[in-house]
Amino acid sequence: MVQVNVTALRQCLPEYLAMVARGETLSVTLRGRVIAEISPPVVAADESVAARARLRDSLLRYDVPFEPAMAVGEWAMNR
């Protein structure tokens, strides 16, 4: 991992971005303290694989998938 301060990054931005494009990660420092990291994007082999990964834990699971999730009387639209 390459460390670079903000001033040097501003002065040579195209060169540092080329390093990132080649796969390196940059640590950006301000007054000796790391304030950011710039890294290449993680490229999914298949967009559908990435979409499934994002959704994997966001769905509810039901033991009885063909039964209503809640009693009909509890539906807000029936009130």
PDB file of N, CA and C in Angstrom:
ATOM      1  N   MET A   1       0.853  -1.172   0.000  1.00  0.00           N
ATOM      2  CA  MET A   1       0.000   0.000   0.000  1.00  0.00           C
ATOM      3  C   MET A   1       0.900   1.236   0.000  1.00  0.00           C
ATOM      4  N   VAL A   2       0.613   2.142  -0.886  1.00  0.00           N
ATOM      5  CA  VAL A   2       1.385   3.371  -1.033  1.00  0.00           C
ATOM      6  C   VAL A   2       0.719   4.466  -0.211  1.00  0.00           C
ATOM      7  N   GLN A   3       1.539   5.206   0.565  1.00  0.00           N
ATOM      8  CA  GLN A   3       1.005   6.347   1.308  1.00  0.00           C
ATOM      9  C   GLN A   3       1.377   7.627   0.577  1.00  0.00           C
ATOM     10  N   VAL A   4       0.436   8.536   0.478  1.00  0.00           N
ATOM     11  CA  VAL A   4       0.670   9.809  -0.195  1.00  0.00           C
ATOM     12  C   VAL A   4      -0.088  10.888   0.572  1.00  0.00           C
ATOM     13  N   ASN A   5       0.551  12.064   0.718  1.00  0.00           N
ATOM     14  CA  ASN A   5      -0.172  13.140   1.404  1.00  0.00           C
ATOM     15  C   ASN A   5      -1.055  13.888   0.411  1.00  0.00           C
ATOM     16  N   VAL A   6      -1.973  14.658   0.930  1.00  0.00           N
ATOM     17  CA  VAL A   6      -2.985  15.330   0.107  1.00  0.00           C
ATOM     18  C   VAL A   6      -2.340  16.249  -0.927  1.00  0.00           C
ATOM     19  N   THR A   7      -1.317  16.983  -0.525  1.00  0.00           N
ATOM     20  CA  THR A   7      -0.672  17.922  -1.444  1.00  0.00           C
ATOM     21  C   THR A   7      -0.054  17.191  -2.634  1.00  0.00           C
ATOM     22  N   ALA A   8       0.679  16.119  -2.363  1.00  0.00           N
ATOM     23  CA  ALA A   8       1.301  15.350  -3.448  1.00  0.00           C
ATOM     24  C   ALA A   8       0.238  14.704  -4.332  1.00  0.00           C
ATOM     25  N   LEU A   9      -0.853  14.255  -3.725  1.00  0.00           N
ATOM     26  CA  LEU A   9      -1.936  13.650  -4.501  1.00  0.00           C
ATOM     27  C   LEU A   9      -2.533  14.660  -5.471  1.00  0.00           C
ATOM     28  N   ARG A  10      -2.752  15.877  -4.998  1.00  0.00           N
ATOM     29  CA  ARG A  10      -3.309  16.921  -5.872  1.00  0.00           C
ATOM     30  C   ARG A  10      -2.362  17.244  -7.030  1.00  0.00           C
ATOM     31  N   GLN A  11      -1.072  17.307  -6.732  1.00  0.00           N
ATOM     32  CA  GLN A  11      -0.099  17.698  -7.752  1.00  0.00           C
ATOM     33  C   GLN A  11       0.100  16.621  -8.815  1.00  0.00           C
ATOM     34  N   CYS A  12      -0.038  15.359  -8.438  1.00  0.00           N
ATOM     35  CA  CYS A  12       0.247  14.255  -9.370  1.00  0.00           C
ATOM     36  C   CYS A  12      -0.933  13.293  -9.475  1.00  0.00           C
ATOM     37  N   LEU A  13      -2.130  13.818  -9.450  1.00  0.00           N
ATOM     38  CA  LEU A  13      -3.322  12.973  -9.435  1.00  0.00           C
ATOM     39  C   LEU A  13      -3.361  11.951 -10.574  1.00  0.00           C
ATOM     40  N   PRO A  14      -3.080  12.322 -11.827  1.00  0.00           N
ATOM     41  CA  PRO A  14      -3.151  11.310 -12.896  1.00  0.00           C
ATOM     42  C   PRO A  14      -2.221  10.115 -12.666  1.00  0.00           C
ATOM     43  N   GLU A  15      -1.014  10.380 -12.151  1.00  0.00           N
ATOM     44  CA  GLU A  15      -0.078   9.278 -11.908  1.00  0.00           C
ATOM     45  C   GLU A  15      -0.580   8.358 -10.803  1.00  0.00           C
ATOM     46  N   TYR A  16      -1.121   8.942  -9.741  1.00  0.00           N
ATOM     47  CA  TYR A  16      -1.629   8.117  -8.642  1.00  0.00           C
ATOM     48  C   TYR A  16      -2.866   7.324  -9.075  1.00  0.00           C
ATOM     49  N   LEU A  17      -3.718   7.937  -9.877  1.00  0.00           N
ATOM     50  CA  LEU A  17      -4.888   7.203 -10.371  1.00  0.00           C
ATOM     51  C   LEU A  17      -4.468   6.071 -11.303  1.00  0.00           C
ATOM     52  N   ALA A  18      -3.390   6.263 -12.044  1.00  0.00           N
ATOM     53  CA  ALA A  18      -2.875   5.181 -12.892  1.00  0.00           C
ATOM     54  C   ALA A  18      -2.389   4.018 -12.024  1.00  0.00           C
ATOM     55  N   MET A  19      -1.783   4.327 -10.878  1.00  0.00           N
ATOM     56  CA  MET A  19      -1.351   3.273  -9.955  1.00  0.00           C
ATOM     57  C   MET A  19      -2.555   2.487  -9.450  1.00  0.00           C
ATOM     58  N   VAL A  20      -3.616   3.207  -9.112  1.00  0.00           N
ATOM     59  CA  VAL A  20      -4.834   2.544  -8.635  1.00  0.00           C
ATOM     60  C   VAL A  20      -5.418   1.684  -9.749  1.00  0.00           C
ATOM     61  N   ALA A  21      -5.398   2.187 -10.969  1.00  0.00           N
ATOM     62  CA  ALA A  21      -5.919   1.419 -12.105  1.00  0.00           C
ATOM     63  C   ALA A  21      -5.125   0.133 -12.319  1.00  0.00           C
ATOM     64  N   ARG A  22      -3.845   0.135 -11.934  1.00  0.00           N
ATOM     65  CA  ARG A  22      -3.018  -1.074 -12.051  1.00  0.00           C
ATOM     66  C   ARG A  22      -3.231  -2.030 -10.883  1.00  0.00           C
ATOM     67  N   GLY A  23      -4.064  -1.631  -9.904  1.00  0.00           N
ATOM     68  CA  GLY A  23      -4.393  -2.548  -8.815  1.00  0.00           C
ATOM     69  C   GLY A  23      -3.841  -2.176  -7.456  1.00  0.00           C
ATOM     70  N   GLU A  24      -3.099  -1.088  -7.355  1.00  0.00           N
ATOM     71  CA  GLU A  24      -2.544  -0.691  -6.059  1.00  0.00           C
ATOM     72  C   GLU A  24      -3.576   0.080  -5.249  1.00  0.00           C
ATOM     73  N   THR A  25      -3.391   0.073  -3.939  1.00  0.00           N
ATOM     74  CA  THR A  25      -4.246   0.833  -3.033  1.00  0.00           C
ATOM     75  C   THR A  25      -3.428   1.982  -2.464  1.00  0.00           C
ATOM     76  N   LEU A  26      -4.015   3.168  -2.420  1.00  0.00           N
ATOM     77  CA  LEU A  26      -3.349   4.345  -1.871  1.00  0.00           C
ATOM     78  C   LEU A  26      -3.947   4.697  -0.523  1.00  0.00           C
ATOM     79  N   SER A  27      -3.082   5.069   0.417  1.00  0.00           N
ATOM     80  CA  SER A  27      -3.533   5.655   1.678  1.00  0.00           C
ATOM     81  C   SER A  27      -3.249   7.141   1.581  1.00  0.00           C
ATOM     82  N   VAL A  28      -4.270   7.958   1.731  1.00  0.00           N
ATOM     83  CA  VAL A  28      -4.118   9.404   1.651  1.00  0.00           C
ATOM     84  C   VAL A  28      -3.974   9.931   3.073  1.00  0.00           C
ATOM     85  N   THR A  29      -2.917  10.728   3.296  1.00  0.00           N
ATOM     86  CA  THR A  29      -2.660  11.245   4.638  1.00  0.00           C
ATOM     87  C   THR A  29      -2.794  12.758   4.664  1.00  0.00           C
ATOM     88  N   LEU A  30      -3.157  13.252   5.816  1.00  0.00           N
ATOM     89  CA  LEU A  30      -3.215  14.686   6.079  1.00  0.00           C
ATOM     90  C   LEU A  30      -2.556  14.901   7.425  1.00  0.00           C
ATOM     91  N   ARG A  31      -1.462  15.652   7.414  1.00  0.00           N
ATOM     92  CA  ARG A  31      -0.679  15.889   8.633  1.00  0.00           C
ATOM     93  C   ARG A  31      -0.257  14.579   9.297  1.00  0.00           C
ATOM     94  N   GLY A  32       0.102  13.589   8.474  1.00  0.00           N
ATOM     95  CA  GLY A  32       0.601  12.320   8.978  1.00  0.00           C
ATOM     96  C   GLY A  32      -0.458  11.311   9.386  1.00  0.00           C
ATOM     97  N   ARG A  33      -1.714  11.691   9.288  1.00  0.00           N
ATOM     98  CA  ARG A  33      -2.809  10.797   9.685  1.00  0.00           C
ATOM     99  C   ARG A  33      -3.554  10.320   8.443  1.00  0.00           C
ATOM    100  N   VAL A  34      -3.815   9.017   8.346  1.00  0.00           N
ATOM    101  CA  VAL A  34      -4.543   8.470   7.195  1.00  0.00           C
ATOM    102  C   VAL A  34      -5.993   8.944   7.265  1.00  0.00           C
ATOM    103  N   ILE A  35      -6.442   9.584   6.191  1.00  0.00           N
ATOM    104  CA  ILE A  35      -7.821  10.090   6.155  1.00  0.00           C
ATOM    105  C   ILE A  35      -8.676   9.375   5.115  1.00  0.00           C
ATOM    106  N   ALA A  36      -8.029   8.662   4.185  1.00  0.00           N
ATOM    107  CA  ALA A  36      -8.805   7.970   3.146  1.00  0.00           C
ATOM    108  C   ALA A  36      -7.942   6.894   2.507  1.00  0.00           C
ATOM    109  N   GLU A  37      -8.624   5.946   1.898  1.00  0.00           N
ATOM    110  CA  GLU A  37      -7.952   4.934   1.091  1.00  0.00           C
ATOM    111  C   GLU A  37      -8.619   4.911  -0.277  1.00  0.00           C
ATOM    112  N   ILE A  38      -7.808   4.869  -1.300  1.00  0.00           N
ATOM    113  CA  ILE A  38      -8.310   4.783  -2.668  1.00  0.00           C
ATOM    114  C   ILE A  38      -7.869   3.435  -3.211  1.00  0.00           C
ATOM    115  N   SER A  39      -8.838   2.642  -3.628  1.00  0.00           N
ATOM    116  CA  SER A  39      -8.513   1.308  -4.131  1.00  0.00           C
ATOM    117  C   SER A  39      -9.306   1.039  -5.402  1.00  0.00           C
ATOM    118  N   PRO A  40      -8.834   0.095  -6.202  1.00  0.00           N
ATOM    119  CA  PRO A  40      -9.573  -0.237  -7.418  1.00  0.00           C
ATOM    120  C   PRO A  40     -10.924  -0.854  -7.074  1.00  0.00           C
ATOM    121  N   PRO A  41     -11.910  -0.701  -7.933  1.00  0.00           N
ATOM    122  CA  PRO A  41     -13.224  -1.279  -7.647  1.00  0.00           C
ATOM    123  C   PRO A  41     -13.174  -2.797  -7.690  1.00  0.00           C
ATOM    124  N   VAL A  42     -14.036  -3.401  -6.908  1.00  0.00           N
ATOM    125  CA  VAL A  42     -14.167  -4.851  -6.934  1.00  0.00           C
ATOM    126  C   VAL A  42     -15.117  -5.183  -8.077  1.00  0.00           C
ATOM    127  N   VAL A  43     -14.627  -5.908  -9.050  1.00  0.00           N
ATOM    128  CA  VAL A  43     -15.418  -6.217 -10.234  1.00  0.00           C
ATOM    129  C   VAL A  43     -16.006  -7.615 -10.077  1.00  0.00           C
ATOM    130  N   ALA A  44     -17.320  -7.694 -10.131  1.00  0.00           N
ATOM    131  CA  ALA A  44     -17.990  -8.994 -10.060  1.00  0.00           C
ATOM    132  C   ALA A  44     -17.902  -9.664 -11.425  1.00  0.00           C
ATOM    133  N   ALA A  45     -17.701 -10.959 -11.422  1.00  0.00           N
ATOM    134  CA  ALA A  45     -17.617 -11.698 -12.682  1.00  0.00           C
ATOM    135  C   ALA A  45     -18.926 -11.594 -13.448  1.00  0.00           C
ATOM    136  N   ASP A  46     -20.013 -11.549 -12.710  1.00  0.00           N
ATOM    137  CA  ASP A  46     -21.323 -11.491 -13.341  1.00  0.00           C
ATOM    138  C   ASP A  46     -22.179 -10.546 -12.508  1.00  0.00           C
ATOM    139  N   GLU A  47     -22.849  -9.612 -13.140  1.00  0.00           N
ATOM    140  CA  GLU A  47     -23.657  -8.641 -12.403  1.00  0.00           C
ATOM    141  C   GLU A  47     -24.759  -9.314 -11.600  1.00  0.00           C
ATOM    142  N   SER A  48     -25.314 -10.402 -12.094  1.00  0.00           N
ATOM    143  CA  SER A  48     -26.370 -11.089 -11.352  1.00  0.00           C
ATOM    144  C   SER A  48     -25.826 -11.715 -10.073  1.00  0.00           C
ATOM    145  N   VAL A  49     -24.580 -12.152 -10.087  1.00  0.00           N
ATOM    146  CA  VAL A  49     -23.960 -12.698  -8.873  1.00  0.00           C
ATOM    147  C   VAL A  49     -23.839 -11.597  -7.824  1.00  0.00           C
ATOM    148  N   ALA A  50     -23.428 -10.411  -8.246  1.00  0.00           N
ATOM    149  CA  ALA A  50     -23.306  -9.287  -7.324  1.00  0.00           C
ATOM    150  C   ALA A  50     -24.674  -8.882  -6.780  1.00  0.00           C
ATOM    151  N   ALA A  51     -25.693  -8.885  -7.621  1.00  0.00           N
ATOM    152  CA  ALA A  51     -27.041  -8.529  -7.168  1.00  0.00           C
ATOM    153  C   ALA A  51     -27.559  -9.532  -6.149  1.00  0.00           C
ATOM    154  N   ARG A  52     -27.337 -10.815  -6.397  1.00  0.00           N
ATOM    155  CA  ARG A  52     -27.769 -11.836  -5.428  1.00  0.00           C
ATOM    156  C   ARG A  52     -27.039 -11.679  -4.105  1.00  0.00           C
ATOM    157  N   ALA A  53     -25.774 -11.335  -4.150  1.00  0.00           N
ATOM    158  CA  ALA A  53     -25.005 -11.151  -2.921  1.00  0.00           C
ATOM    159  C   ALA A  53     -25.562  -9.990  -2.107  1.00  0.00           C
ATOM    160  N   ARG A  54     -25.978  -8.911  -2.778  1.00  0.00           N
ATOM    161  CA  ARG A  54     -26.557  -7.769  -2.057  1.00  0.00           C
ATOM    162  C   ARG A  54     -27.898  -8.122  -1.432  1.00  0.00           C
ATOM    163  N   LEU A  55     -28.653  -8.992  -2.079  1.00  0.00           N
ATOM    164  CA  LEU A  55     -29.994  -9.335  -1.607  1.00  0.00           C
ATOM    165  C   LEU A  55     -30.030 -10.508  -0.634  1.00  0.00           C
ATOM    166  N   ARG A  56     -28.944 -11.258  -0.545  1.00  0.00           N
ATOM    167  CA  ARG A  56     -28.943 -12.530   0.171  1.00  0.00           C
ATOM    168  C   ARG A  56     -29.566 -12.442   1.571  1.00  0.00           C
ATOM    169  N   ASP A  57     -29.175 -11.503   2.387  1.00  0.00           N
ATOM    170  CA  ASP A  57     -29.695 -11.429   3.749  1.00  0.00           C
ATOM    171  C   ASP A  57     -30.804 -10.392   3.913  1.00  0.00           C
ATOM    172  N   SER A  58     -31.273  -9.814   2.830  1.00  0.00           N
ATOM    173  CA  SER A  58     -32.302  -8.789   2.948  1.00  0.00           C
ATOM    174  C   SER A  58     -33.716  -9.364   2.844  1.00  0.00           C
ATOM    175  N   LEU A  59     -33.857 -10.615   2.489  1.00  0.00           N
ATOM    176  CA  LEU A  59     -35.176 -11.220   2.325  1.00  0.00           C
ATOM    177  C   LEU A  59     -35.597 -11.970   3.582  1.00  0.00           C
ATOM    178  N   LEU A  60     -36.880 -11.920   3.867  1.00  0.00           N
ATOM    179  CA  LEU A  60     -37.417 -12.683   4.994  1.00  0.00           C
ATOM    180  C   LEU A  60     -37.587 -14.138   4.580  1.00  0.00           C
ATOM    181  N   ARG A  61     -37.408 -15.015   5.510  1.00  0.00           N
ATOM    182  CA  ARG A  61     -37.604 -16.439   5.232  1.00  0.00           C
ATOM    183  C   ARG A  61     -38.823 -16.911   6.028  1.00  0.00           C
ATOM    184  N   TYR A  62     -39.648 -17.704   5.392  1.00  0.00           N
ATOM    185  CA  TYR A  62     -40.855 -18.212   6.029  1.00  0.00           C
ATOM    186  C   TYR A  62     -40.798 -19.731   6.074  1.00  0.00           C
ATOM    187  N   ASP A  63     -41.252 -20.294   7.198  1.00  0.00           N
ATOM    188  CA  ASP A  63     -41.309 -21.749   7.313  1.00  0.00           C
ATOM    189  C   ASP A  63     -42.403 -22.312   6.413  1.00  0.00           C
ATOM    190  N   VAL A  64     -43.496 -21.554   6.273  1.00  0.00           N
ATOM    191  CA  VAL A  64     -44.620 -21.983   5.442  1.00  0.00           C
ATOM    192  C   VAL A  64     -44.806 -20.901   4.370  1.00  0.00           C
ATOM    193  N   PRO A  65     -44.149 -21.022   3.227  1.00  0.00           N
ATOM    194  CA  PRO A  65     -44.144 -19.939   2.251  1.00  0.00           C
ATOM    195  C   PRO A  65     -45.484 -19.646   1.588  1.00  0.00           C
ATOM    196  N   PHE A  66     -46.441 -20.585   1.641  1.00  0.00           N
ATOM    197  CA  PHE A  66     -47.716 -20.346   0.977  1.00  0.00           C
ATOM    198  C   PHE A  66     -48.792 -19.843   1.930  1.00  0.00           C
ATOM    199  N   GLU A  67     -48.448 -19.607   3.169  1.00  0.00           N
ATOM    200  CA  GLU A  67     -49.371 -19.037   4.156  1.00  0.00           C
ATOM    201  C   GLU A  67     -49.082 -17.544   4.275  1.00  0.00           C
ATOM    202  N   PRO A  68     -50.084 -16.733   4.649  1.00  0.00           N
ATOM    203  CA  PRO A  68     -49.832 -15.298   4.834  1.00  0.00           C
ATOM    204  C   PRO A  68     -48.793 -15.065   5.933  1.00  0.00           C
ATOM    205  N   ALA A  69     -48.019 -14.009   5.795  1.00  0.00           N
ATOM    206  CA  ALA A  69     -46.995 -13.682   6.783  1.00  0.00           C
ATOM    207  C   ALA A  69     -47.617 -13.215   8.089  1.00  0.00           C
ATOM    208  N   MET A  70     -48.798 -12.619   8.025  1.00  0.00           N
ATOM    209  CA  MET A  70     -49.515 -12.185   9.226  1.00  0.00           C
ATOM    210  C   MET A  70     -51.002 -12.453   9.026  1.00  0.00           C
ATOM    211  N   ALA A  71     -51.714 -12.439  10.115  1.00  0.00           N
ATOM    212  CA  ALA A  71     -53.151 -12.699  10.047  1.00  0.00           C
ATOM    213  C   ALA A  71     -53.841 -11.610   9.232  1.00  0.00           C
ATOM    214  N   VAL A  72     -54.888 -11.982   8.510  1.00  0.00           N
ATOM    215  CA  VAL A  72     -55.605 -11.047   7.649  1.00  0.00           C
ATOM    216  C   VAL A  72     -56.134  -9.862   8.446  1.00  0.00           C
ATOM    217  N   GLY A  73     -56.558 -10.061   9.680  1.00  0.00           N
ATOM    218  CA  GLY A  73     -57.080  -8.976  10.514  1.00  0.00           C
ATOM    219  C   GLY A  73     -56.032  -7.944  10.887  1.00  0.00           C
ATOM    220  N   GLU A  74     -54.762  -8.287  10.777  1.00  0.00           N
ATOM    221  CA  GLU A  74     -53.688  -7.365  11.143  1.00  0.00           C
ATOM    222  C   GLU A  74     -53.243  -6.481   9.980  1.00  0.00           C
ATOM    223  N   TRP A  75     -53.736  -6.723   8.791  1.00  0.00           N
ATOM    224  CA  TRP A  75     -53.325  -5.928   7.642  1.00  0.00           C
ATOM    225  C   TRP A  75     -53.809  -4.497   7.799  1.00  0.00           C
ATOM    226  N   ALA A  76     -52.943  -3.546   7.631  1.00  0.00           N
ATOM    227  CA  ALA A  76     -53.290  -2.134   7.777  1.00  0.00           C
ATOM    228  C   ALA A  76     -54.292  -1.696   6.714  1.00  0.00           C
ATOM    229  N   MET A  77     -54.236  -2.281   5.532  1.00  0.00           N
ATOM    230  CA  MET A  77     -55.137  -1.850   4.466  1.00  0.00           C
ATOM    231  C   MET A  77     -56.576  -2.298   4.715  1.00  0.00           C
ATOM    232  N   ASN A  78     -56.806  -3.240   5.639  1.00  0.00           N
ATOM    233  CA  ASN A  78     -58.162  -3.694   5.948  1.00  0.00           C
ATOM    234  C   ASN A  78     -58.836  -2.831   7.010  1.00  0.00           C
ATOM    235  N   ARG A  79     -58.163  -1.865   7.528  1.00  0.00           N
ATOM    236  CA  ARG A  79     -58.743  -1.033   8.601  1.00  0.00           C
ATOM    237  C   ARG A  79     -59.458   0.149   8.057  1.00  0.00           C
TER     238      ARG A  79
END
